[in-house]
């Protein structure tokens, strides 16, 4: 899976994303999370707010605002690091 596919998948229905799927996408692009209780915390490779904090909602779904945060992080990752791969 590449970043564009992940973004498209998440944007298609941000209110209907399974938590496990969102964790898998984040693990693929940002590495293994630090888990504190029910929180899965991913570090991002840039300065600023370098964390994505995910917590499952009832029914095993991800919160839509967390899906939007992951989409924003994936877009930033693509903008910062995709050019490095094309050189």
N, C-alpha and C. Protein backbone atom coordinates (compact mmCIF):
# COMPACT_ATOMS: atom_id res chain seq x y z
N UNK A 1 0.85 -1.17 0.00
CA UNK A 1 0.00 0.00 0.00
C UNK A 1 0.89 1.23 0.00
N UNK A 2 0.53 2.20 -0.82
CA UNK A 2 1.25 3.47 -0.79
C UNK A 2 0.39 4.52 -0.08
N UNK A 3 0.97 5.67 0.14
CA UNK A 3 0.28 6.71 0.91
C UNK A 3 -0.99 7.16 0.21
N UNK A 4 -0.95 7.32 -1.10
CA UNK A 4 -2.14 7.77 -1.83
C UNK A 4 -3.31 6.80 -1.65
N UNK A 5 -3.03 5.50 -1.71
CA UNK A 5 -4.08 4.50 -1.51
C UNK A 5 -4.65 4.59 -0.09
N UNK A 6 -3.77 4.74 0.90
CA UNK A 6 -4.22 4.83 2.29
C UNK A 6 -5.08 6.05 2.50
N UNK A 7 -4.67 7.19 1.95
CA UNK A 7 -5.44 8.42 2.10
C UNK A 7 -6.80 8.27 1.45
N UNK A 8 -6.85 7.73 0.25
CA UNK A 8 -8.12 7.54 -0.46
C UNK A 8 -9.05 6.63 0.34
N UNK A 9 -8.51 5.55 0.86
CA UNK A 9 -9.32 4.61 1.65
C UNK A 9 -9.90 5.29 2.89
N UNK A 10 -9.09 6.05 3.59
CA UNK A 10 -9.56 6.70 4.82
C UNK A 10 -10.52 7.84 4.53
N UNK A 11 -10.25 8.60 3.47
CA UNK A 11 -11.12 9.72 3.12
C UNK A 11 -12.49 9.28 2.63
N UNK A 12 -12.59 8.07 2.10
CA UNK A 12 -13.85 7.61 1.52
C UNK A 12 -14.95 7.49 2.58
N UNK A 13 -14.58 7.19 3.81
CA UNK A 13 -15.59 7.07 4.85
C UNK A 13 -14.94 7.21 6.24
N UNK A 14 -14.56 8.43 6.63
CA UNK A 14 -13.84 8.61 7.90
C UNK A 14 -14.64 8.22 9.14
N UNK A 15 -15.94 8.17 9.04
CA UNK A 15 -16.74 7.80 10.21
C UNK A 15 -16.99 6.30 10.29
N UNK A 16 -16.44 5.55 9.33
CA UNK A 16 -16.69 4.11 9.31
C UNK A 16 -15.38 3.32 9.13
N UNK A 17 -14.33 3.76 9.83
CA UNK A 17 -13.04 3.09 9.74
C UNK A 17 -12.84 2.25 11.00
N UNK A 18 -12.50 0.99 10.81
CA UNK A 18 -12.24 0.13 11.96
C UNK A 18 -10.94 0.57 12.62
N UNK A 19 -10.92 0.55 13.95
CA UNK A 19 -9.75 0.96 14.71
C UNK A 19 -8.53 0.12 14.33
N UNK A 20 -8.70 -1.17 14.19
CA UNK A 20 -7.58 -2.05 13.84
C UNK A 20 -6.99 -1.67 12.48
N UNK A 21 -7.82 -1.27 11.54
CA UNK A 21 -7.34 -0.85 10.22
C UNK A 21 -6.52 0.42 10.33
N UNK A 22 -6.99 1.37 11.14
CA UNK A 22 -6.27 2.63 11.31
C UNK A 22 -4.92 2.38 11.98
N UNK A 23 -4.88 1.49 12.96
CA UNK A 23 -3.62 1.13 13.61
C UNK A 23 -2.67 0.49 12.60
N UNK A 24 -3.18 -0.40 11.75
CA UNK A 24 -2.35 -1.04 10.72
C UNK A 24 -1.75 -0.02 9.76
N UNK A 25 -2.55 0.95 9.33
CA UNK A 25 -2.06 1.98 8.42
C UNK A 25 -0.96 2.79 9.10
N UNK A 26 -1.19 3.20 10.34
CA UNK A 26 -0.20 3.99 11.07
C UNK A 26 1.08 3.19 11.30
N UNK A 27 0.94 1.93 11.65
CA UNK A 27 2.11 1.08 11.87
C UNK A 27 2.92 0.95 10.59
N UNK A 28 2.25 0.82 9.47
CA UNK A 28 2.93 0.69 8.18
C UNK A 28 3.79 1.92 7.88
N UNK A 29 3.26 3.12 8.13
CA UNK A 29 3.97 4.34 7.76
C UNK A 29 4.80 4.95 8.88
N UNK A 30 4.45 4.71 10.13
CA UNK A 30 5.13 5.38 11.24
C UNK A 30 5.81 4.44 12.22
N UNK A 31 5.71 3.14 12.02
CA UNK A 31 6.37 2.19 12.90
C UNK A 31 5.46 1.74 14.03
N UNK A 32 6.02 0.91 14.90
CA UNK A 32 5.25 0.34 16.01
C UNK A 32 4.85 1.42 17.01
N UNK A 33 3.63 1.32 17.54
CA UNK A 33 3.19 2.32 18.51
C UNK A 33 3.69 2.00 19.91
N UNK A 34 3.70 3.04 20.74
CA UNK A 34 3.85 2.85 22.17
C UNK A 34 2.42 2.72 22.68
N UNK A 35 2.14 1.70 23.46
CA UNK A 35 0.78 1.48 23.92
C UNK A 35 0.73 1.76 25.42
N UNK A 36 -0.15 2.68 25.79
CA UNK A 36 -0.39 3.04 27.19
C UNK A 36 -1.87 2.82 27.46
N UNK A 37 -2.19 1.72 28.10
CA UNK A 37 -3.60 1.39 28.33
C UNK A 37 -4.28 1.13 27.00
N UNK A 38 -5.30 1.92 26.71
CA UNK A 38 -6.02 1.76 25.45
C UNK A 38 -5.52 2.71 24.36
N UNK A 39 -4.51 3.51 24.65
CA UNK A 39 -3.98 4.48 23.69
C UNK A 39 -2.81 3.88 22.91
N UNK A 40 -2.86 4.06 21.60
CA UNK A 40 -1.78 3.67 20.70
C UNK A 40 -1.15 4.97 20.22
N UNK A 41 0.11 5.19 20.57
CA UNK A 41 0.77 6.47 20.30
C UNK A 41 1.87 6.24 19.28
N UNK A 42 1.77 6.91 18.15
CA UNK A 42 2.73 6.80 17.07
C UNK A 42 3.55 8.08 16.99
N UNK A 43 4.86 7.92 16.78
CA UNK A 43 5.73 9.08 16.58
C UNK A 43 5.85 9.34 15.08
N UNK A 44 5.83 10.59 14.72
CA UNK A 44 6.03 10.97 13.33
C UNK A 44 7.44 11.53 13.19
N UNK A 45 8.04 11.46 11.99
CA UNK A 45 9.44 11.82 11.83
C UNK A 45 9.72 13.31 11.63
N UNK A 46 8.80 14.19 11.96
CA UNK A 46 9.05 15.62 11.76
C UNK A 46 8.91 16.37 13.08
N UNK A 47 9.40 17.60 13.06
CA UNK A 47 9.34 18.47 14.23
C UNK A 47 7.93 18.98 14.43
N UNK A 48 7.67 19.51 15.59
CA UNK A 48 6.33 20.03 15.89
C UNK A 48 5.63 19.07 16.81
N UNK A 49 4.43 18.70 16.47
CA UNK A 49 3.69 17.73 17.27
C UNK A 49 3.91 16.36 16.65
N UNK A 50 4.91 15.63 17.11
CA UNK A 50 5.30 14.39 16.44
C UNK A 50 4.56 13.16 16.92
N UNK A 51 3.29 13.30 17.28
CA UNK A 51 2.56 12.14 17.78
C UNK A 51 1.18 12.03 17.13
N UNK A 52 0.77 10.78 16.98
CA UNK A 52 -0.61 10.47 16.62
C UNK A 52 -1.10 9.57 17.75
N UNK A 53 -2.16 9.98 18.41
CA UNK A 53 -2.68 9.26 19.57
C UNK A 53 -4.04 8.68 19.20
N UNK A 54 -4.14 7.35 19.15
CA UNK A 54 -5.37 6.69 18.75
C UNK A 54 -5.96 5.91 19.92
N UNK A 55 -7.27 5.92 20.01
CA UNK A 55 -7.97 5.14 21.01
C UNK A 55 -9.26 4.63 20.38
N UNK A 56 -9.52 3.34 20.56
CA UNK A 56 -10.72 2.73 19.96
C UNK A 56 -11.98 3.28 20.60
N UNK A 57 -13.01 3.41 19.79
CA UNK A 57 -14.33 3.80 20.27
C UNK A 57 -15.16 2.53 20.45
N UNK A 58 -16.32 2.68 20.97
CA UNK A 58 -17.22 1.53 21.09
C UNK A 58 -17.49 0.93 19.72
N UNK A 59 -17.59 -0.37 19.69
CA UNK A 59 -17.86 -1.06 18.43
C UNK A 59 -16.63 -1.28 17.58
N UNK A 60 -15.45 -0.99 18.11
CA UNK A 60 -14.22 -1.24 17.37
C UNK A 60 -13.94 -0.25 16.26
N UNK A 61 -14.59 0.89 16.29
CA UNK A 61 -14.39 1.92 15.26
C UNK A 61 -13.41 2.97 15.75
N UNK A 62 -12.78 3.65 14.82
CA UNK A 62 -11.91 4.78 15.13
C UNK A 62 -12.77 6.04 15.13
N UNK A 63 -12.42 6.97 15.99
CA UNK A 63 -13.13 8.25 16.03
C UNK A 63 -12.84 9.02 14.74
N UNK A 64 -13.86 9.63 14.14
CA UNK A 64 -13.64 10.36 12.88
C UNK A 64 -12.57 11.45 12.99
N UNK A 65 -12.47 12.13 14.13
CA UNK A 65 -11.45 13.18 14.24
C UNK A 65 -10.04 12.56 14.23
N UNK A 66 -9.91 11.33 14.75
CA UNK A 66 -8.61 10.66 14.71
C UNK A 66 -8.28 10.22 13.29
N UNK A 67 -9.27 9.80 12.54
CA UNK A 67 -9.06 9.44 11.14
C UNK A 67 -8.58 10.67 10.37
N UNK A 68 -9.20 11.82 10.62
CA UNK A 68 -8.78 13.06 9.96
C UNK A 68 -7.34 13.43 10.34
N UNK A 69 -6.95 13.21 11.61
CA UNK A 69 -5.58 13.48 12.03
C UNK A 69 -4.60 12.57 11.30
N UNK A 70 -4.95 11.32 11.14
CA UNK A 70 -4.08 10.38 10.42
C UNK A 70 -3.97 10.78 8.95
N UNK A 71 -5.08 11.17 8.33
CA UNK A 71 -5.05 11.63 6.94
C UNK A 71 -4.10 12.82 6.80
N UNK A 72 -4.21 13.79 7.71
CA UNK A 72 -3.33 14.97 7.68
C UNK A 72 -1.87 14.56 7.84
N UNK A 73 -1.59 13.62 8.73
CA UNK A 73 -0.22 13.16 8.94
C UNK A 73 0.30 12.43 7.70
N UNK A 74 -0.54 11.63 7.07
CA UNK A 74 -0.12 10.93 5.85
C UNK A 74 0.18 11.91 4.73
N UNK A 75 -0.65 12.95 4.60
CA UNK A 75 -0.41 13.96 3.56
C UNK A 75 0.88 14.71 3.83
N UNK A 76 1.15 15.03 5.09
CA UNK A 76 2.39 15.71 5.44
C UNK A 76 3.58 14.79 5.16
N UNK A 77 3.46 13.53 5.52
CA UNK A 77 4.52 12.54 5.26
C UNK A 77 4.79 12.46 3.76
N UNK A 78 3.74 12.42 2.99
CA UNK A 78 3.88 12.34 1.53
C UNK A 78 4.59 13.58 0.98
N UNK A 79 4.18 14.76 1.46
CA UNK A 79 4.77 16.01 0.98
C UNK A 79 6.24 16.12 1.37
N UNK A 80 6.58 15.69 2.57
CA UNK A 80 7.96 15.83 3.05
C UNK A 80 8.90 14.77 2.50
N UNK A 81 8.42 13.54 2.36
CA UNK A 81 9.32 12.44 2.07
C UNK A 81 9.14 11.82 0.69
N UNK A 82 8.05 12.09 0.00
CA UNK A 82 7.87 11.53 -1.34
C UNK A 82 8.87 12.10 -2.31
N UNK A 83 9.20 13.40 -2.17
CA UNK A 83 10.18 14.01 -3.06
C UNK A 83 11.56 13.39 -2.88
N UNK A 84 11.90 12.96 -1.65
CA UNK A 84 13.18 12.33 -1.40
C UNK A 84 13.31 11.02 -2.16
N UNK A 85 12.20 10.30 -2.32
CA UNK A 85 12.23 9.02 -3.02
C UNK A 85 12.29 9.17 -4.53
N UNK A 86 11.88 10.33 -5.04
CA UNK A 86 11.84 10.53 -6.48
C UNK A 86 13.13 11.09 -7.04
N UNK A 87 14.07 11.47 -6.20
CA UNK A 87 15.33 12.04 -6.67
C UNK A 87 16.27 10.98 -7.18
